Amino acid sequence: MIKFLVTAEAFGYGPVITAIQVINQLKKEIGGYYCFLGSGVALEQAALASCFDEFVVCATYLRERLEQQNHLLERFDYILSSENTEGAIWGVEHAKIVFYIDNLFWMWDKIPPELCKVDTYFIAQSLDVTKNIERIGNKIKNYRVVSPLRNFPPQRTHVGEKDQLIVNLGGAESFLMESDCVNTMYYTLIQLIIQAWKTSHIDRMLVCGGGKLMQYLSGCFQIDRLSFQSLANEQYLDELHESKYIMLSPGLGNFFESLTLSQEILFLPPVNYSQFWQAEFYRSLSLGYHSINWNDFSWYVPVEQYAPEEFGVRQVLKNVKLFLSHEETHAKILRKMNNYLFNPTEREFLTNRSEFCREIGTNGIGNTVDIIKERVLI
């Protein structure tokens, strides 16, 4: 039996949802045994999925914690790492066959040399990767460029029929972010969203996100017809499709999962480095997306492109802290929220969304699984 050890960076939902969708497809096509190694929101979502046979708790961003799990490597033929750099390097250095998935290749300033030695490095065309392939791609032993690594869910029934505002704050966890600052930012944003919701006559409001964040926010707000939930991906997609109004953190998963919707969407301000540049990319498209980004405001601290991730995260967090101290900015954001709820635009963006999906391709998961099968079924 083929055995996979699977890791995903606990940096929001993106890495783990990608890993789950790849493993779901792989398990259908070749069977096998799959163990998830991880912590935080990554482990939380993996546990809600039905594709893993075993779970091992480990802070996979810390090499010393991974080395404590060296005994695991003897049991597994392959490692699949979704943006968990340390886990991939650990596997390479122990002579394992490692498949590495990178949704953020377009963003990196450089790649660790050890990571370039993985068996197959999957570069997802989530944003334009051409420049970075020219800059740093030649250092990778074997890279394969694939379409965006997210399932594009077909439309469910009852699209937009539920009189509900759904807010998805994402996983909102990372060892690089200051959790107290992030919690305060989302507390402030939820206060503003509640103000907009209460004047809109929308029946109910559902806030989704990582378990720790939902526990914190649910303790702060006890309001009728307002709920905070951490949902499995399929449950969340059902709520997303049915909700009439949608506000999302500007993560890649939120973008791709909403491309098959017919509702307009408001992207909330970013909390990490990749979200800042993704929000800028979404703005360049005529797809029925509205957004709030830190460069909308006069006090904005510039966020550099192609910067080391830790540096970029710090720059975004500077903007978060400035937002928290500028009450006049809160009023501007509230106006943007009200404008989204009360002033819908024309629906020509639906055709644009369909055309955009055709252009970027929607079978990235299938292509990735096919390439992995070529390697493991030799």
Foldseek 3Di string as FASTA:
>chain_A
DAEEEEEEALPWDVQLQLVLLLQVVLCVPPNYAYEYEEDALSQVQVVQHDRHDYYHYFHLLDLVRVVVVVVVVVVHQEYEYRPSQSVQLVCVVVVHQYEYEYACLLFALEDPLSNLAHNEYEYEVLDPNVVSCVVYVVSRPHYDYFFHSDFQDAQDPQFQVQLEEEEEETAQDHPLADNVLSLLLVLLVVVLLVVLVVVQPRQAYEYEYTPVSLVVNCVVDDDPRYHYDHDHPVVVLVVNRNHNAYEYAQDSNVVSRCLNGQHAYEHEEHQAQVSQVSQVVVVVALQNYHYDYLVVDPVQDDQDTNDHRSVNNVSSSVSSVVCSVDVVVSVVVSVVSNCSSPPGDDRPSNVVSVVVCVVRDRCRSVVVSVVVCVVPVD
